[in-house]
């Protein structure tokens, strides 16, 4: 069952500004998954009181998921839907998906930074969550604003997909193979800055739209190449469109890229308990470190920032970068430490870059 949310006008969108959500969540240790050797249903029953278990047999929706309406957003929402249904031992139809149109979906005539930043893809969904018309929101974690609105929290993440960027072109196999003067389309300040850093001889233009729309524009010859998240292409079954995968050593992913994040009302223990059965602990630790890095930098919506963490057992490795929009200057940082110190490691990395770059770096960005 689907519901189309309210349409936001372009005039309303002009009033939006850089988001100011709450700090990254503290996380505990885990074994790499939110689920133990118990079955998902047994784990769910262990989490929930009898009162809540009684609700599972009712005819009303067990949960209501809020999501954008793009093909990729719906694939991600259905993945959460099926996981939660299995965990609760109910049919997927018992978990309703509500499509909510966001300002970011409506405003397509200018870069997101000019319209208020990536929080434009979450604003209306978060408003529905606060109002109680949905129980959880499913997001591409890279679209989440740095701080969440008061009263909301990230309850967990599905296992992370490939976090790298893909190079897509009909003219060249790699970014380095593009001829001088080629046109690369992207709406991401990070991707634009990194392209200019590696290829200052190409032209970068704004290319908006969902994955399929951008691929159609590429085929129509509007641009010679574009960059897309490998995770999104995989989830849509479109990975064959990629000519090559960019090495994170020189093209660091966005914070949260490849991770599906689940947002709830902070005091909703019922929904939190259900999500715990499908949440991936390693992904939560990694994204927590990345978001702590982002929060410490607190850059403007126009500041190109990349950050990526990996978790192996009890160890966490993190890399971060800030880049001038024209690609002329960049600062990088690395951190290693125990997973239990994810927030500390990310925060410390952000603090180091802020000190090394100086205030003017962000002022001119």
Protein backbone atom coordinates (compact mmCIF):
# COMPACT_ATOMS: atom_id res chain seq x y z
CA UNK A 1 0.00 0.00 0.00
CA UNK A 2 1.38 3.38 -0.94
CA UNK A 3 0.53 6.94 0.02
CA UNK A 4 1.68 10.06 -1.78
CA UNK A 5 2.63 12.82 0.62
CA UNK A 6 2.21 16.56 0.20
CA UNK A 7 3.90 18.46 -2.61
CA UNK A 8 6.32 21.19 -1.63
CA UNK A 9 6.41 24.21 -3.90
CA UNK A 10 9.57 25.75 -5.29
CA UNK A 11 8.80 28.98 -3.44
CA UNK A 12 8.70 27.09 -0.14
CA UNK A 13 11.96 25.40 -1.05
CA UNK A 14 13.72 28.75 -1.39
CA UNK A 15 13.21 29.29 2.36
CA UNK A 16 15.14 26.16 3.32
CA UNK A 17 18.64 26.43 4.73
CA UNK A 18 21.55 24.26 5.84
CA UNK A 19 20.28 21.56 8.21
CA UNK A 20 21.07 21.47 11.91
CA UNK A 21 20.23 17.86 13.16
CA UNK A 22 21.38 16.14 16.50
CA UNK A 23 24.81 14.62 17.10
CA UNK A 24 25.70 11.15 15.88
CA UNK A 25 24.36 8.37 18.11
CA UNK A 26 26.56 6.61 20.61
CA UNK A 27 26.83 2.93 19.80
CA UNK A 28 27.78 -0.22 21.62
CA UNK A 29 29.86 -3.13 20.51
CA UNK A 30 28.47 -5.93 18.38
CA UNK A 31 29.43 -8.98 16.42
CA UNK A 32 28.93 -7.39 13.03
CA UNK A 33 25.16 -8.00 12.90
CA UNK A 34 22.27 -6.91 15.10
CA UNK A 35 21.02 -10.54 15.05
CA UNK A 36 22.55 -13.38 17.05
CA UNK A 37 22.31 -17.10 16.31
CA UNK A 38 18.66 -16.94 17.31
CA UNK A 39 16.19 -16.76 14.47
CA UNK A 40 14.96 -13.28 13.60
CA UNK A 41 11.54 -14.11 15.01
CA UNK A 42 12.96 -15.48 18.25
CA UNK A 43 15.16 -12.41 18.61
CA UNK A 44 12.19 -10.12 18.05
CA UNK A 45 10.13 -11.93 20.67
CA UNK A 46 13.03 -11.64 23.10
CA UNK A 47 13.01 -7.85 22.60
CA UNK A 48 9.27 -7.23 22.82
CA UNK A 49 6.82 -7.31 25.75
CA UNK A 50 3.67 -9.44 25.54
CA UNK A 51 1.57 -6.32 24.97
CA UNK A 52 3.43 -5.56 21.74
CA UNK A 53 3.44 -9.18 20.61
CA UNK A 54 -0.34 -9.17 20.82
CA UNK A 55 -0.36 -6.39 18.22
CA UNK A 56 1.35 -8.63 15.67
CA UNK A 57 -1.88 -10.54 15.07
CA UNK A 58 -4.00 -7.44 14.56
CA UNK A 59 -5.16 -6.42 11.10
CA UNK A 60 -3.87 -2.83 11.26
CA UNK A 61 -0.38 -2.09 9.88
CA UNK A 62 2.30 -3.16 12.31
CA UNK A 63 4.53 -0.32 11.14
CA UNK A 64 4.41 2.53 8.64
CA UNK A 65 7.58 3.28 6.67
CA UNK A 66 8.13 6.72 5.18
CA UNK A 67 10.29 7.02 2.08
CA UNK A 68 10.91 9.04 -1.04
CA UNK A 69 9.27 7.74 -4.19
CA UNK A 70 12.28 7.24 -6.47
CA UNK A 71 12.92 3.68 -7.73
CA UNK A 72 16.05 3.43 -5.56
CA UNK A 73 14.28 4.74 -2.46
CA UNK A 74 11.49 2.19 -2.93
CA UNK A 75 13.96 -0.67 -3.36
CA UNK A 76 15.58 0.36 -0.08
CA UNK A 77 12.24 0.72 1.72
CA UNK A 78 11.14 -2.72 0.53
CA UNK A 79 14.40 -4.22 1.78
CA UNK A 80 13.65 -2.83 5.23
CA UNK A 81 10.02 -3.91 4.93
CA UNK A 82 10.90 -7.52 4.11
CA UNK A 83 13.52 -7.69 6.87
CA UNK A 84 11.17 -6.34 9.50
CA UNK A 85 8.35 -8.63 8.35
CA UNK A 86 10.62 -11.67 8.66
CA UNK A 87 11.83 -10.52 12.07
CA UNK A 88 8.28 -10.05 13.34
CA UNK A 89 6.90 -13.18 11.68
CA UNK A 90 4.25 -11.32 9.69
CA UNK A 91 3.47 -10.84 5.99
CA UNK A 92 5.27 -7.88 4.35
CA UNK A 93 1.89 -6.30 3.65
CA UNK A 94 1.48 -5.73 7.37
CA UNK A 95 4.22 -3.12 7.12
CA UNK A 96 2.96 -0.17 5.11
CA UNK A 97 5.12 1.96 2.83
CA UNK A 98 4.15 5.62 2.52
CA UNK A 99 5.69 7.67 -0.28
CA UNK A 100 6.44 11.24 0.73
CA UNK A 101 7.56 13.79 -1.84
CA UNK A 102 10.40 15.92 -0.53
CA UNK A 103 11.62 19.38 -1.43
CA UNK A 104 14.69 17.79 -3.02
CA UNK A 105 12.39 15.88 -5.37
CA UNK A 106 10.56 19.04 -6.37
CA UNK A 107 13.52 21.42 -6.81
CA UNK A 108 15.39 20.19 -9.88
CA UNK A 109 16.54 23.43 -11.50
CA UNK A 110 19.66 24.16 -9.41
CA UNK A 111 22.32 22.47 -7.30
CA UNK A 112 21.17 21.18 -3.91
CA UNK A 113 23.67 23.46 -2.16
CA UNK A 114 21.87 26.46 -3.67
CA UNK A 115 18.49 25.18 -2.48
CA UNK A 116 19.50 24.39 1.08
CA UNK A 117 21.64 21.24 1.11
CA UNK A 118 21.10 17.51 1.26
CA UNK A 119 18.61 17.81 4.14
CA UNK A 120 16.10 18.67 1.44
CA UNK A 121 15.70 14.92 0.79
CA UNK A 122 14.68 14.23 4.39
CA UNK A 123 12.78 17.30 5.63
CA UNK A 124 9.19 16.28 4.82
CA UNK A 125 9.80 12.67 5.82
CA UNK A 126 11.14 13.77 9.19
CA UNK A 127 8.15 16.07 9.63
CA UNK A 128 5.86 13.08 9.08
CA UNK A 129 7.87 11.09 11.62
CA UNK A 130 7.57 13.85 14.22
CA UNK A 131 3.83 14.18 13.50
CA UNK A 132 3.34 10.44 14.03
CA UNK A 133 1.94 9.65 10.57
CA UNK A 134 4.82 7.22 10.00
CA UNK A 135 6.78 5.06 12.47
CA UNK A 136 10.16 4.97 10.76
CA UNK A 137 11.95 6.63 7.86
CA UNK A 138 14.26 4.84 5.44
CA UNK A 139 17.07 6.95 3.99
CA UNK A 140 20.20 6.69 1.93
CA UNK A 141 22.52 7.57 4.80
CA UNK A 142 24.59 9.93 2.65
CA UNK A 143 21.46 12.09 2.26
CA UNK A 144 21.04 12.57 6.01
CA UNK A 145 21.81 16.03 7.39
CA UNK A 146 24.68 16.28 9.83
CA UNK A 147 22.39 16.73 12.83
CA UNK A 148 18.89 15.28 13.18
CA UNK A 149 15.88 17.31 14.36
CA UNK A 150 15.21 17.18 18.12
CA UNK A 151 13.29 14.07 19.11
CA UNK A 152 14.55 11.90 16.25
CA UNK A 153 17.32 9.30 16.25
CA UNK A 154 19.01 6.78 14.00
CA UNK A 155 17.90 3.33 15.19
CA UNK A 156 20.12 1.24 12.94
CA UNK A 157 21.46 0.45 9.49
CA UNK A 158 21.18 -2.49 7.13
CA UNK A 159 24.44 -4.21 6.13
CA UNK A 160 26.41 -1.75 4.03
CA UNK A 161 26.72 -2.16 0.27
CA UNK A 162 29.79 -1.18 -1.73
CA UNK A 163 30.51 2.42 -0.72
CA UNK A 164 32.57 3.37 -3.79
CA UNK A 165 31.67 5.65 -6.71
CA UNK A 166 31.22 4.39 -10.25
CA UNK A 167 32.39 6.16 -13.41
CA UNK A 168 29.71 6.06 -16.11
CA UNK A 169 30.41 7.22 -19.66
CA UNK A 170 29.82 6.41 -23.31
CA UNK A 171 33.12 8.07 -24.31
CA UNK A 172 35.75 6.68 -21.95
CA UNK A 173 36.42 3.72 -19.68
CA UNK A 174 37.85 5.77 -16.81
CA UNK A 175 37.90 9.35 -15.57
CA UNK A 176 41.55 9.62 -16.62
CA UNK A 177 40.67 8.51 -20.17
CA UNK A 178 38.25 11.39 -20.79
CA UNK A 179 39.53 13.84 -23.42
CA UNK A 180 40.36 17.40 -22.33
CA UNK A 181 37.27 19.60 -22.36
CA UNK A 182 34.90 16.67 -21.75
CA UNK A 183 31.76 17.47 -19.74
CA UNK A 184 31.13 15.62 -16.48
CA UNK A 185 27.73 15.95 -14.83
CA UNK A 186 27.07 15.70 -11.09
CA UNK A 187 25.04 17.40 -8.37
CA UNK A 188 27.50 16.49 -5.60
CA UNK A 189 29.98 19.15 -4.37
CA UNK A 190 32.29 16.34 -3.23
CA UNK A 191 32.30 14.60 -6.60
CA UNK A 192 32.72 17.89 -8.44
CA UNK A 193 35.70 18.91 -6.33
CA UNK A 194 37.38 15.50 -6.59
CA UNK A 195 36.89 15.42 -10.36
CA UNK A 196 38.47 18.87 -10.67
CA UNK A 197 41.31 17.76 -8.40
CA UNK A 198 42.10 14.78 -10.64
CA UNK A 199 41.11 16.33 -13.99
CA UNK A 200 41.28 20.14 -13.91
CA UNK A 201 41.04 20.10 -17.72
CA UNK A 202 37.43 18.84 -17.86
CA UNK A 203 34.22 20.83 -17.36
CA UNK A 204 31.84 19.91 -14.53
CA UNK A 205 28.15 20.83 -14.82
CA UNK A 206 25.12 20.25 -12.61
CA UNK A 207 23.26 17.02 -13.38
CA UNK A 208 20.18 16.41 -11.19
CA UNK A 209 17.62 13.62 -11.10
CA UNK A 210 17.38 10.05 -9.90
CA UNK A 211 19.73 7.35 -11.20
CA UNK A 212 17.60 6.46 -14.22
CA UNK A 213 17.09 10.12 -15.15
CA UNK A 214 20.83 10.80 -15.05
CA UNK A 215 21.54 7.75 -17.19
CA UNK A 216 18.96 8.95 -19.75
CA UNK A 217 20.59 12.40 -19.83
CA UNK A 218 23.95 10.73 -20.38
CA UNK A 219 22.56 8.69 -23.28
CA UNK A 220 21.02 11.86 -24.73
CA UNK A 221 24.46 13.45 -24.90
CA UNK A 222 23.86 16.16 -22.29
CA UNK A 223 27.14 15.13 -20.61
CA UNK A 224 30.07 12.92 -21.52
CA UNK A 225 30.26 11.21 -18.15
CA UNK A 226 28.75 11.10 -14.69
CA UNK A 227 29.48 9.55 -11.32
CA UNK A 228 27.02 7.38 -9.41
CA UNK A 229 27.12 5.35 -6.21
CA UNK A 230 27.97 1.71 -6.82
CA UNK A 231 25.48 0.76 -4.08
CA UNK A 232 22.58 2.42 -5.89
CA UNK A 233 23.46 0.83 -9.22
CA UNK A 234 23.67 -2.58 -7.57
CA UNK A 235 20.34 -2.22 -5.80
CA UNK A 236 18.66 -1.21 -9.06
CA UNK A 237 20.32 -3.97 -11.07
CA UNK A 238 22.15 -1.35 -13.17
CA UNK A 239 25.78 -2.01 -12.27
CA UNK A 240 26.50 -2.91 -15.91
CA UNK A 241 26.18 0.83 -16.68
CA UNK A 242 29.45 1.46 -14.82
CA UNK A 243 32.57 1.58 -16.98
CA UNK A 244 34.89 1.49 -13.96
CA UNK A 245 34.90 1.77 -10.17
CA UNK A 246 36.80 4.67 -8.63
CA UNK A 247 39.54 3.84 -6.13
CA UNK A 248 38.68 5.27 -2.67
CA UNK A 249 42.38 6.07 -2.23
CA UNK A 250 41.91 9.00 -4.64
CA UNK A 251 38.11 9.34 -4.72
CA UNK A 252 36.86 9.02 -1.15
CA UNK A 253 33.11 8.23 -0.77
CA UNK A 254 30.60 10.46 0.96
CA UNK A 255 29.85 9.98 4.64
CA UNK A 256 27.26 7.20 4.94
CA UNK A 257 27.46 6.18 1.27
CA UNK A 258 26.20 2.66 0.64
CA UNK A 259 24.37 2.40 3.99
CA UNK A 260 20.59 2.33 4.39
CA UNK A 261 19.72 4.26 7.56
CA UNK A 262 16.54 3.88 9.61
CA UNK A 263 15.31 6.91 11.54
CA UNK A 264 12.71 6.83 14.32
CA UNK A 265 11.27 8.95 17.10
CA UNK A 266 13.85 8.75 19.87
CA UNK A 267 11.31 7.65 22.49
CA UNK A 268 9.69 4.94 20.34
CA UNK A 269 11.04 1.84 22.07
CA UNK A 270 8.61 -0.49 20.27
CA UNK A 271 9.90 0.41 16.82
CA UNK A 272 13.50 0.49 18.06
CA UNK A 273 13.14 -3.09 19.32
CA UNK A 274 11.84 -4.31 15.97
CA UNK A 275 14.65 -2.58 14.07
CA UNK A 276 17.27 -4.08 16.41
CA UNK A 277 16.53 -7.51 14.91
CA UNK A 278 17.71 -6.46 11.44
CA UNK A 279 20.34 -3.82 12.25
CA UNK A 280 23.99 -4.42 11.35
CA UNK A 281 26.39 -3.50 14.16
CA UNK A 282 29.50 -3.05 11.99
CA UNK A 283 27.70 -0.65 9.66
CA UNK A 284 26.40 1.34 12.62
CA UNK A 285 29.90 1.67 14.08
CA UNK A 286 31.39 2.75 10.74
CA UNK A 287 28.70 5.33 9.97
CA UNK A 288 28.84 6.65 13.53
CA UNK A 289 32.55 7.42 13.10
CA UNK A 290 31.88 9.08 9.74
CA UNK A 291 29.04 11.22 11.08
CA UNK A 292 31.11 12.26 14.10
CA UNK A 293 33.77 13.46 11.64
CA UNK A 294 31.14 15.41 9.71
CA UNK A 295 29.67 16.91 12.88
CA UNK A 296 33.06 18.12 14.09
CA UNK A 297 33.80 19.84 10.78
CA UNK A 298 30.33 21.35 10.67
CA UNK A 299 31.12 22.67 7.21
CA UNK A 300 28.64 24.58 5.10
CA UNK A 301 26.33 22.83 2.68
CA UNK A 302 28.82 23.79 -0.02
CA UNK A 303 31.93 22.25 1.57
CA UNK A 304 33.09 19.09 -0.24
CA UNK A 305 33.70 16.46 2.44
CA UNK A 306 34.44 12.75 2.12
CA UNK A 307 34.69 10.21 4.91
CA UNK A 308 34.75 6.43 5.05
CA UNK A 309 35.28 3.94 7.87
CA UNK A 310 35.73 0.17 7.81
CA UNK A 311 35.34 -2.24 10.71
CA UNK A 312 37.13 -5.56 11.11
CA UNK A 313 36.48 -7.34 14.37
CA UNK A 314 37.21 -4.86 17.15
CA UNK A 315 39.30 -2.55 14.92
CA UNK A 316 38.13 0.54 13.05
CA UNK A 317 39.96 2.39 10.28
CA UNK A 318 38.86 5.82 9.07
CA UNK A 319 39.86 8.16 6.26
CA UNK A 320 38.59 11.67 5.73
CA UNK A 321 39.11 14.52 3.27
CA UNK A 322 38.06 18.12 2.74
CA UNK A 323 38.52 19.72 -0.68
CA UNK A 324 38.20 23.22 -2.09
CA UNK A 325 35.26 23.35 -4.53
CA UNK A 326 37.64 24.02 -7.42
CA UNK A 327 39.82 21.05 -6.44
CA UNK A 328 42.87 23.26 -5.96
CA UNK A 329 43.57 22.25 -2.37
CA UNK A 330 42.74 19.29 -0.13
CA UNK A 331 43.52 17.99 3.34
CA UNK A 332 43.34 14.31 4.27
CA UNK A 333 43.40 12.45 7.57
CA UNK A 334 43.44 8.84 8.80
CA UNK A 335 42.63 7.24 12.14
CA UNK A 336 42.81 3.71 13.55
CA UNK A 337 41.49 2.45 16.86
CA UNK A 338 39.01 0.24 18.69
CA UNK A 339 35.45 0.18 17.43
CA UNK A 340 34.21 1.25 20.86
CA UNK A 341 35.85 4.64 20.22
CA UNK A 342 34.11 5.33 16.90
CA UNK A 343 32.81 8.74 17.95
CA UNK A 344 36.13 9.79 19.45
CA UNK A 345 38.10 8.72 16.34
CA UNK A 346 35.77 10.53 13.93
CA UNK A 347 35.63 13.66 16.06
CA UNK A 348 39.41 13.76 16.47
CA UNK A 349 39.93 13.37 12.71
CA UNK A 350 37.56 16.25 12.00
CA UNK A 351 39.24 18.45 14.59
CA UNK A 352 42.65 17.81 13.03
CA UNK A 353 41.46 18.80 9.56
CA UNK A 354 39.79 21.92 10.89
CA UNK A 355 43.02 23.00 12.57
CA UNK A 356 45.24 22.18 9.59
CA UNK A 357 43.00 23.84 7.00
CA UNK A 358 42.23 26.95 9.00
CA UNK A 359 39.02 28.96 9.14
CA UNK A 360 39.54 30.55 5.71
CA UNK A 361 39.34 27.16 4.01
CA UNK A 362 35.68 26.85 4.96
CA UNK A 363 34.91 30.56 4.65
CA UNK A 364 35.88 30.57 0.97
CA UNK A 365 34.07 27.25 0.37
